[in-house]
Amino acid sequence: MYLKNRFEQPIENFRMPYTDSELSHLMCKKILSWFPDTPREYIILCIGTDRSTGDALGPLTGTFLQETNPKHLHVYGTVHDPVHAVNMQEAITMVKENHRNPYIIAIDACLGRNTSIGHIITEKAPLRPGAALNKVLPTIGDMNITGVVNISGFMEHSILQNTRLSVVIDMAKQITAILSNIDQRLTYNYSPAVVISKKHPIKKWTV
């Protein structure tokens, strides 16, 4: 769970309501404009837990995206194998061991202003997961995509638990559509040497 800091220095970002019909096209175009010129392995690291409706955005996105069988995107973090506070460092280590020079897009739910609820935001910056719940976790990613699932400011745990699952599912489907659009536009092939070790499942931990 990521918390949008109102006092941070501005960074390059792009945001739209998840209900906007142009969301997938426009956000895909913006994200691709931030991609490096040299092809790299693209990792989608979906952060969160299915034990909280508000924090399930990442795992749901990972599950939906994995079901599309992407050709160029490697997915970590699903409902069945979530990446969360307890096993995040292990997941980051696994990505670095399995992929050479990965380009990581971190996906997470976030809390924000009331007027921002329902917005999907992409930033050309690392993600600071756990900030909304005052957890000290490693920053991760070359860029991030977050969905504002509810309001911030007080009783964040309760707010997350009482977030409507229907909204989170709809936002996860929209983020999946964006990432699927990106996957379809990545047409180059990687050398077999890019993947340097066999992927192993991330250990499951109770949170």
C-alpha atoms as a PDB file:
ATOM      1  CA  MET A   1       0.000   0.000   0.000  1.00  0.00           C
ATOM      2  CA  TYR A   2       1.443   3.281  -1.202  1.00  0.00           C
ATOM      3  CA  LEU A   3       0.555   6.726   0.164  1.00  0.00           C
ATOM      4  CA  LYS A   4       0.674   9.747  -2.123  1.00  0.00           C
ATOM      5  CA  ASN A   5       2.707  12.375  -0.309  1.00  0.00           C
ATOM      6  CA  ARG A   6       1.243  15.823  -0.869  1.00  0.00           C
ATOM      7  CA  PHE A   7       4.546  17.484  -0.048  1.00  0.00           C
ATOM      8  CA  GLU A   8       6.895  15.534  -2.326  1.00  0.00           C
ATOM      9  CA  GLN A   9       8.833  17.276  -5.058  1.00  0.00           C
ATOM     10  CA  PRO A  10       6.892  16.908  -8.325  1.00  0.00           C
ATOM     11  CA  ILE A  11       7.941  14.032 -10.564  1.00  0.00           C
ATOM     12  CA  GLU A  12       6.826  13.119 -14.034  1.00  0.00           C
ATOM     13  CA  ASN A  13       3.437  11.456 -13.818  1.00  0.00           C
ATOM     14  CA  PHE A  14       0.202  10.913 -15.677  1.00  0.00           C
ATOM     15  CA  ARG A  15      -3.230  10.230 -14.183  1.00  0.00           C
ATOM     16  CA  MET A  16      -6.739   9.471 -15.402  1.00  0.00           C
ATOM     17  CA  PRO A  17      -9.984   8.165 -13.867  1.00  0.00           C
ATOM     18  CA  TYR A  18     -10.326   4.411 -14.284  1.00  0.00           C
ATOM     19  CA  THR A  19     -13.733   4.986 -15.923  1.00  0.00           C
ATOM     20  CA  ASP A  20     -12.287   7.040 -18.815  1.00  0.00           C
ATOM     21  CA  SER A  21     -12.742   5.244 -22.135  1.00  0.00           C
ATOM     22  CA  GLU A  22      -9.383   6.549 -23.382  1.00  0.00           C
ATOM     23  CA  LEU A  23      -7.438   5.347 -20.343  1.00  0.00           C
ATOM     24  CA  SER A  24      -5.790   2.262 -21.846  1.00  0.00           C
ATOM     25  CA  HIS A  25      -4.696   3.986 -25.047  1.00  0.00           C
ATOM     26  CA  LEU A  26      -3.395   7.199 -23.498  1.00  0.00           C
ATOM     27  CA  MET A  27      -1.670   5.672 -20.477  1.00  0.00           C
ATOM     28  CA  CYS A  28      -0.069   2.982 -22.629  1.00  0.00           C
ATOM     29  CA  LYS A  29       1.313   5.695 -24.903  1.00  0.00           C
ATOM     30  CA  LYS A  30       2.715   7.642 -21.935  1.00  0.00           C
ATOM     31  CA  ILE A  31       4.353   4.596 -20.328  1.00  0.00           C
ATOM     32  CA  LEU A  32       5.962   3.518 -23.602  1.00  0.00           C
ATOM     33  CA  SER A  33       7.431   7.003 -23.977  1.00  0.00           C
ATOM     34  CA  TRP A  34       9.306   6.411 -20.702  1.00  0.00           C
ATOM     35  CA  PHE A  35      10.710   3.029 -21.707  1.00  0.00           C
ATOM     36  CA  PRO A  36      14.473   2.817 -22.328  1.00  0.00           C
ATOM     37  CA  ASP A  37      15.754   2.880 -25.898  1.00  0.00           C
ATOM     38  CA  THR A  38      17.594  -0.411 -25.442  1.00  0.00           C
ATOM     39  CA  PRO A  39      15.316  -3.460 -24.984  1.00  0.00           C
ATOM     40  CA  ARG A  40      15.321  -4.936 -21.498  1.00  0.00           C
ATOM     41  CA  GLU A  41      13.309  -7.551 -19.678  1.00  0.00           C
ATOM     42  CA  TYR A  42      10.133  -5.957 -18.404  1.00  0.00           C
ATOM     43  CA  ILE A  43       9.005  -7.090 -14.963  1.00  0.00           C
ATOM     44  CA  ILE A  44       5.531  -6.379 -13.577  1.00  0.00           C
ATOM     45  CA  LEU A  45       5.821  -6.532  -9.787  1.00  0.00           C
ATOM     46  CA  CYS A  46       2.332  -6.502  -8.284  1.00  0.00           C
ATOM     47  CA  ILE A  47       2.362  -5.656  -4.588  1.00  0.00           C
ATOM     48  CA  GLY A  48      -0.364  -6.228  -2.007  1.00  0.00           C
ATOM     49  CA  THR A  49      -2.387  -8.884  -0.239  1.00  0.00           C
ATOM     50  CA  ASP A  50      -5.739 -10.578  -0.790  1.00  0.00           C
ATOM     51  CA  ARG A  51      -6.393 -10.310   2.956  1.00  0.00           C
ATOM     52  CA  SER A  52      -7.498  -6.682   2.529  1.00  0.00           C
ATOM     53  CA  THR A  53      -9.954  -5.550  -0.131  1.00  0.00           C
ATOM     54  CA  GLY A  54      -8.254  -2.193  -0.592  1.00  0.00           C
ATOM     55  CA  ASP A  55      -4.784  -3.713  -0.800  1.00  0.00           C
ATOM     56  CA  ALA A  56      -5.798  -6.449  -3.261  1.00  0.00           C
ATOM     57  CA  LEU A  57      -5.321  -4.248  -6.328  1.00  0.00           C
ATOM     58  CA  GLY A  58      -1.796  -5.521  -6.999  1.00  0.00           C
ATOM     59  CA  PRO A  59      -2.482  -9.261  -6.633  1.00  0.00           C
ATOM     60  CA  LEU A  60      -5.679  -9.000  -8.700  1.00  0.00           C
ATOM     61  CA  THR A  61      -3.822  -7.164 -11.453  1.00  0.00           C
ATOM     62  CA  GLY A  62      -1.084  -9.796 -11.419  1.00  0.00           C
ATOM     63  CA  THR A  63      -3.655 -12.597 -11.671  1.00  0.00           C
ATOM     64  CA  PHE A  64      -5.629 -10.950 -14.470  1.00  0.00           C
ATOM     65  CA  LEU A  65      -2.470 -10.129 -16.417  1.00  0.00           C
ATOM     66  CA  GLN A  66      -1.038 -13.623 -16.005  1.00  0.00           C
ATOM     67  CA  GLU A  67      -4.262 -15.034 -17.455  1.00  0.00           C
ATOM     68  CA  THR A  68      -3.618 -13.099 -20.688  1.00  0.00           C
ATOM     69  CA  ASN A  69      -0.323 -15.000 -21.167  1.00  0.00           C
ATOM     70  CA  PRO A  70       1.801 -11.925 -21.934  1.00  0.00           C
ATOM     71  CA  LYS A  71       4.704 -12.536 -24.315  1.00  0.00           C
ATOM     72  CA  HIS A  72       7.058  -9.794 -23.163  1.00  0.00           C
ATOM     73  CA  LEU A  73       6.059  -9.080 -19.558  1.00  0.00           C
ATOM     74  CA  HIS A  74       7.130 -11.216 -16.592  1.00  0.00           C
ATOM     75  CA  VAL A  75       4.559 -11.149 -13.774  1.00  0.00           C
ATOM     76  CA  TYR A  76       5.387 -11.413 -10.070  1.00  0.00           C
ATOM     77  CA  GLY A  77       2.655 -11.151  -7.442  1.00  0.00           C
ATOM     78  CA  THR A  78      -0.763 -12.782  -7.860  1.00  0.00           C
ATOM     79  CA  VAL A  79      -3.680 -13.679  -5.615  1.00  0.00           C
ATOM     80  CA  HIS A  80      -2.230 -17.170  -5.109  1.00  0.00           C
ATOM     81  CA  ASP A  81       1.404 -15.998  -4.792  1.00  0.00           C
ATOM     82  CA  PRO A  82       1.260 -12.427  -3.467  1.00  0.00           C
ATOM     83  CA  VAL A  83       4.204 -10.111  -2.955  1.00  0.00           C
ATOM     84  CA  HIS A  84       3.731  -8.184   0.277  1.00  0.00           C
ATOM     85  CA  ALA A  85       5.601  -6.654   3.204  1.00  0.00           C
ATOM     86  CA  VAL A  86       6.887  -9.961   4.588  1.00  0.00           C
ATOM     87  CA  ASN A  87       8.347 -11.457   1.395  1.00  0.00           C
ATOM     88  CA  MET A  88       9.045  -8.326  -0.659  1.00  0.00           C
ATOM     89  CA  GLN A  89      12.811  -8.358  -0.220  1.00  0.00           C
ATOM     90  CA  GLU A  90      12.859 -12.008  -1.256  1.00  0.00           C
ATOM     91  CA  ALA A  91      10.826 -11.148  -4.352  1.00  0.00           C
ATOM     92  CA  ILE A  92      13.184  -8.313  -5.297  1.00  0.00           C
ATOM     93  CA  THR A  93      16.180 -10.606  -4.880  1.00  0.00           C
ATOM     94  CA  MET A  94      14.476 -13.251  -7.018  1.00  0.00           C
ATOM     95  CA  VAL A  95      13.804 -10.775  -9.828  1.00  0.00           C
ATOM     96  CA  LYS A  96      17.438  -9.699  -9.855  1.00  0.00           C
ATOM     97  CA  GLU A  97      18.624 -13.316  -9.868  1.00  0.00           C
ATOM     98  CA  ASN A  98      16.228 -14.433 -12.598  1.00  0.00           C
ATOM     99  CA  HIS A  99      16.602 -11.498 -14.965  1.00  0.00           C
ATOM    100  CA  ARG A 100      19.541  -9.535 -16.262  1.00  0.00           C
ATOM    101  CA  ASN A 101      19.155  -5.746 -16.065  1.00  0.00           C
ATOM    102  CA  PRO A 102      15.363  -5.886 -15.502  1.00  0.00           C
ATOM    103  CA  TYR A 103      13.114  -2.884 -15.999  1.00  0.00           C
ATOM    104  CA  ILE A 104      10.582  -3.071 -13.175  1.00  0.00           C
ATOM    105  CA  ILE A 105       7.079  -1.608 -13.198  1.00  0.00           C
ATOM    106  CA  ALA A 106       5.685  -1.756  -9.667  1.00  0.00           C
ATOM    107  CA  ILE A 107       1.903  -1.988  -9.218  1.00  0.00           C
ATOM    108  CA  ASP A 108       0.182  -1.123  -5.941  1.00  0.00           C
ATOM    109  CA  ALA A 109      -2.924   0.371  -4.381  1.00  0.00           C
ATOM    110  CA  CYS A 110      -2.661   3.773  -2.763  1.00  0.00           C
ATOM    111  CA  LEU A 111      -4.618   6.206  -0.631  1.00  0.00           C
ATOM    112  CA  GLY A 112      -5.054   9.840  -1.579  1.00  0.00           C
ATOM    113  CA  ARG A 113      -7.351  12.860  -1.589  1.00  0.00           C
ATOM    114  CA  ASN A 114     -11.081  12.318  -1.854  1.00  0.00           C
ATOM    115  CA  THR A 115     -11.055  13.910  -5.305  1.00  0.00           C
ATOM    116  CA  SER A 116      -8.393  11.429  -6.455  1.00  0.00           C
ATOM    117  CA  ILE A 117     -10.277   8.245  -5.551  1.00  0.00           C
ATOM    118  CA  GLY A 118     -10.701   6.128  -8.665  1.00  0.00           C
ATOM    119  CA  HIS A 119      -7.698   7.604 -10.461  1.00  0.00           C
ATOM    120  CA  ILE A 120      -4.987   5.413 -11.933  1.00  0.00           C
ATOM    121  CA  ILE A 121      -1.606   7.106 -11.765  1.00  0.00           C
ATOM    122  CA  THR A 122       1.645   6.209 -13.441  1.00  0.00           C
ATOM    123  CA  GLU A 123       4.937   7.789 -12.384  1.00  0.00           C
ATOM    124  CA  LYS A 124       8.422   7.653 -13.804  1.00  0.00           C
ATOM    125  CA  ALA A 125       9.816   6.918 -10.365  1.00  0.00           C
ATOM    126  CA  PRO A 126      10.302   4.032  -7.926  1.00  0.00           C
ATOM    127  CA  LEU A 127       7.465   2.951  -5.647  1.00  0.00           C
ATOM    128  CA  ARG A 128       7.647   3.310  -1.858  1.00  0.00           C
ATOM    129  CA  PRO A 129       5.345   0.487  -0.739  1.00  0.00           C
ATOM    130  CA  GLY A 130       3.982   0.407   2.781  1.00  0.00           C
ATOM    131  CA  ALA A 131       4.156   4.166   3.263  1.00  0.00           C
ATOM    132  CA  ALA A 132       0.412   4.443   3.870  1.00  0.00           C
ATOM    133  CA  LEU A 133       0.699   2.057   6.828  1.00  0.00           C
ATOM    134  CA  ASN A 134       3.982   3.506   8.139  1.00  0.00           C
ATOM    135  CA  LYS A 135       5.949   0.414   7.104  1.00  0.00           C
ATOM    136  CA  VAL A 136       9.611   0.797   6.185  1.00  0.00           C
ATOM    137  CA  LEU A 137      10.051  -1.225   2.991  1.00  0.00           C
ATOM    138  CA  PRO A 138      12.582  -0.985   0.166  1.00  0.00           C
ATOM    139  CA  THR A 139      11.753   1.283  -2.751  1.00  0.00           C
ATOM    140  CA  ILE A 140      11.285  -0.698  -5.936  1.00  0.00           C
ATOM    141  CA  GLY A 141      10.831  -0.140  -9.635  1.00  0.00           C
ATOM    142  CA  ASP A 142      11.904   2.069 -12.485  1.00  0.00           C
ATOM    143  CA  MET A 143       8.342   3.325 -12.693  1.00  0.00           C
ATOM    144  CA  ASN A 144       5.086   2.573 -10.942  1.00  0.00           C
ATOM    145  CA  ILE A 145       1.359   2.359 -11.545  1.00  0.00           C
ATOM    146  CA  THR A 146      -0.947   2.951  -8.606  1.00  0.00           C
ATOM    147  CA  GLY A 147      -4.689   3.061  -8.153  1.00  0.00           C
ATOM    148  CA  VAL A 148      -6.224   5.405  -5.591  1.00  0.00           C
ATOM    149  CA  VAL A 149      -8.680   3.076  -3.863  1.00  0.00           C
ATOM    150  CA  ASN A 150      -9.718   5.244  -0.919  1.00  0.00           C
ATOM    151  CA  ILE A 151      -9.040   8.396   1.108  1.00  0.00           C
ATOM    152  CA  SER A 152      -5.953   8.867   3.259  1.00  0.00           C
ATOM    153  CA  GLY A 153      -5.463  10.675   6.548  1.00  0.00           C
ATOM    154  CA  PHE A 154      -6.751   8.475   9.359  1.00  0.00           C
ATOM    155  CA  MET A 155      -7.335   4.825  10.303  1.00  0.00           C
ATOM    156  CA  GLU A 156      -5.679   3.543   7.144  1.00  0.00           C
ATOM    157  CA  HIS A 157      -6.044  -0.143   8.119  1.00  0.00           C
ATOM    158  CA  SER A 158      -9.780   0.287   8.607  1.00  0.00           C
ATOM    159  CA  ILE A 159     -10.106   2.297   5.403  1.00  0.00           C
ATOM    160  CA  LEU A 160      -8.410  -0.473   3.428  1.00  0.00           C
ATOM    161  CA  GLN A 161     -10.575  -3.178   4.960  1.00  0.00           C
ATOM    162  CA  ASN A 162     -13.724  -1.234   4.072  1.00  0.00           C
ATOM    163  CA  THR A 163     -12.812  -0.401   0.485  1.00  0.00           C
ATOM    164  CA  ARG A 164     -15.321  -1.712  -2.042  1.00  0.00           C
ATOM    165  CA  LEU A 165     -13.974  -4.817  -3.761  1.00  0.00           C
ATOM    166  CA  SER A 166     -15.996  -4.094  -6.916  1.00  0.00           C
ATOM    167  CA  VAL A 167     -14.077  -0.860  -7.470  1.00  0.00           C
ATOM    168  CA  VAL A 168     -10.732  -2.554  -6.837  1.00  0.00           C
ATOM    169  CA  ILE A 169     -11.570  -5.326  -9.326  1.00  0.00           C
ATOM    170  CA  ASP A 170     -12.611  -2.813 -11.983  1.00  0.00           C
ATOM    171  CA  MET A 171      -9.400  -0.811 -11.468  1.00  0.00           C
ATOM    172  CA  ALA A 172      -7.310  -3.991 -11.646  1.00  0.00           C
ATOM    173  CA  LYS A 173      -8.962  -4.886 -14.953  1.00  0.00           C
ATOM    174  CA  GLN A 174      -8.169  -1.449 -16.327  1.00  0.00           C
ATOM    175  CA  ILE A 175      -4.513  -1.660 -15.292  1.00  0.00           C
ATOM    176  CA  THR A 176      -4.398  -5.119 -16.882  1.00  0.00           C
ATOM    177  CA  ALA A 177      -5.752  -3.657 -20.120  1.00  0.00           C
ATOM    178  CA  ILE A 178      -3.019  -1.011 -20.072  1.00  0.00           C
ATOM    179  CA  LEU A 179      -0.283  -3.595 -19.524  1.00  0.00           C
ATOM    180  CA  SER A 180      -1.742  -5.943 -22.148  1.00  0.00           C
ATOM    181  CA  ASN A 181      -1.727  -3.070 -24.611  1.00  0.00           C
ATOM    182  CA  ILE A 182       1.932  -2.470 -23.816  1.00  0.00           C
ATOM    183  CA  ASP A 183       2.739  -6.166 -24.194  1.00  0.00           C
ATOM    184  CA  GLN A 184       1.171  -6.225 -27.665  1.00  0.00           C
ATOM    185  CA  ARG A 185       3.334  -3.298 -28.746  1.00  0.00           C
ATOM    186  CA  LEU A 186       6.594  -4.899 -27.625  1.00  0.00           C
ATOM    187  CA  THR A 187       7.563  -6.814 -30.739  1.00  0.00           C
ATOM    188  CA  TYR A 188      11.278  -7.442 -30.269  1.00  0.00           C
ATOM    189  CA  ASN A 189      12.716 -10.758 -29.102  1.00  0.00           C
ATOM    190  CA  TYR A 190      15.256 -11.314 -26.342  1.00  0.00           C
ATOM    191  CA  SER A 191      18.408 -13.354 -26.537  1.00  0.00           C
ATOM    192  CA  PRO A 192      18.182 -16.608 -24.526  1.00  0.00           C
ATOM    193  CA  ALA A 193      21.103 -15.292 -22.473  1.00  0.00           C
ATOM    194  CA  VAL A 194      18.907 -12.584 -20.968  1.00  0.00           C
ATOM    195  CA  VAL A 195      17.221 -14.954 -18.548  1.00  0.00           C
ATOM    196  CA  ILE A 196      20.022 -16.147 -16.308  1.00  0.00           C
ATOM    197  CA  SER A 197      18.279 -18.528 -13.924  1.00  0.00           C
ATOM    198  CA  LYS A 198      15.120 -20.565 -13.584  1.00  0.00           C
ATOM    199  CA  LYS A 199      12.160 -18.905 -11.903  1.00  0.00           C
ATOM    200  CA  HIS A 200      11.176 -20.341  -8.524  1.00  0.00           C
ATOM    201  CA  PRO A 201       7.943 -19.631  -6.607  1.00  0.00           C
ATOM    202  CA  ILE A 202       8.093 -16.969  -3.947  1.00  0.00           C
ATOM    203  CA  LYS A 203       7.657 -18.278  -0.433  1.00  0.00           C
ATOM    204  CA  LYS A 204       4.216 -17.689   1.019  1.00  0.00           C
ATOM    205  CA  TRP A 205       4.054 -15.961   4.389  1.00  0.00           C
ATOM    206  CA  THR A 206       1.103 -15.047   6.565  1.00  0.00           C
ATOM    207  CA  VAL A 207       0.525 -11.311   6.927  1.00  0.00           C
END
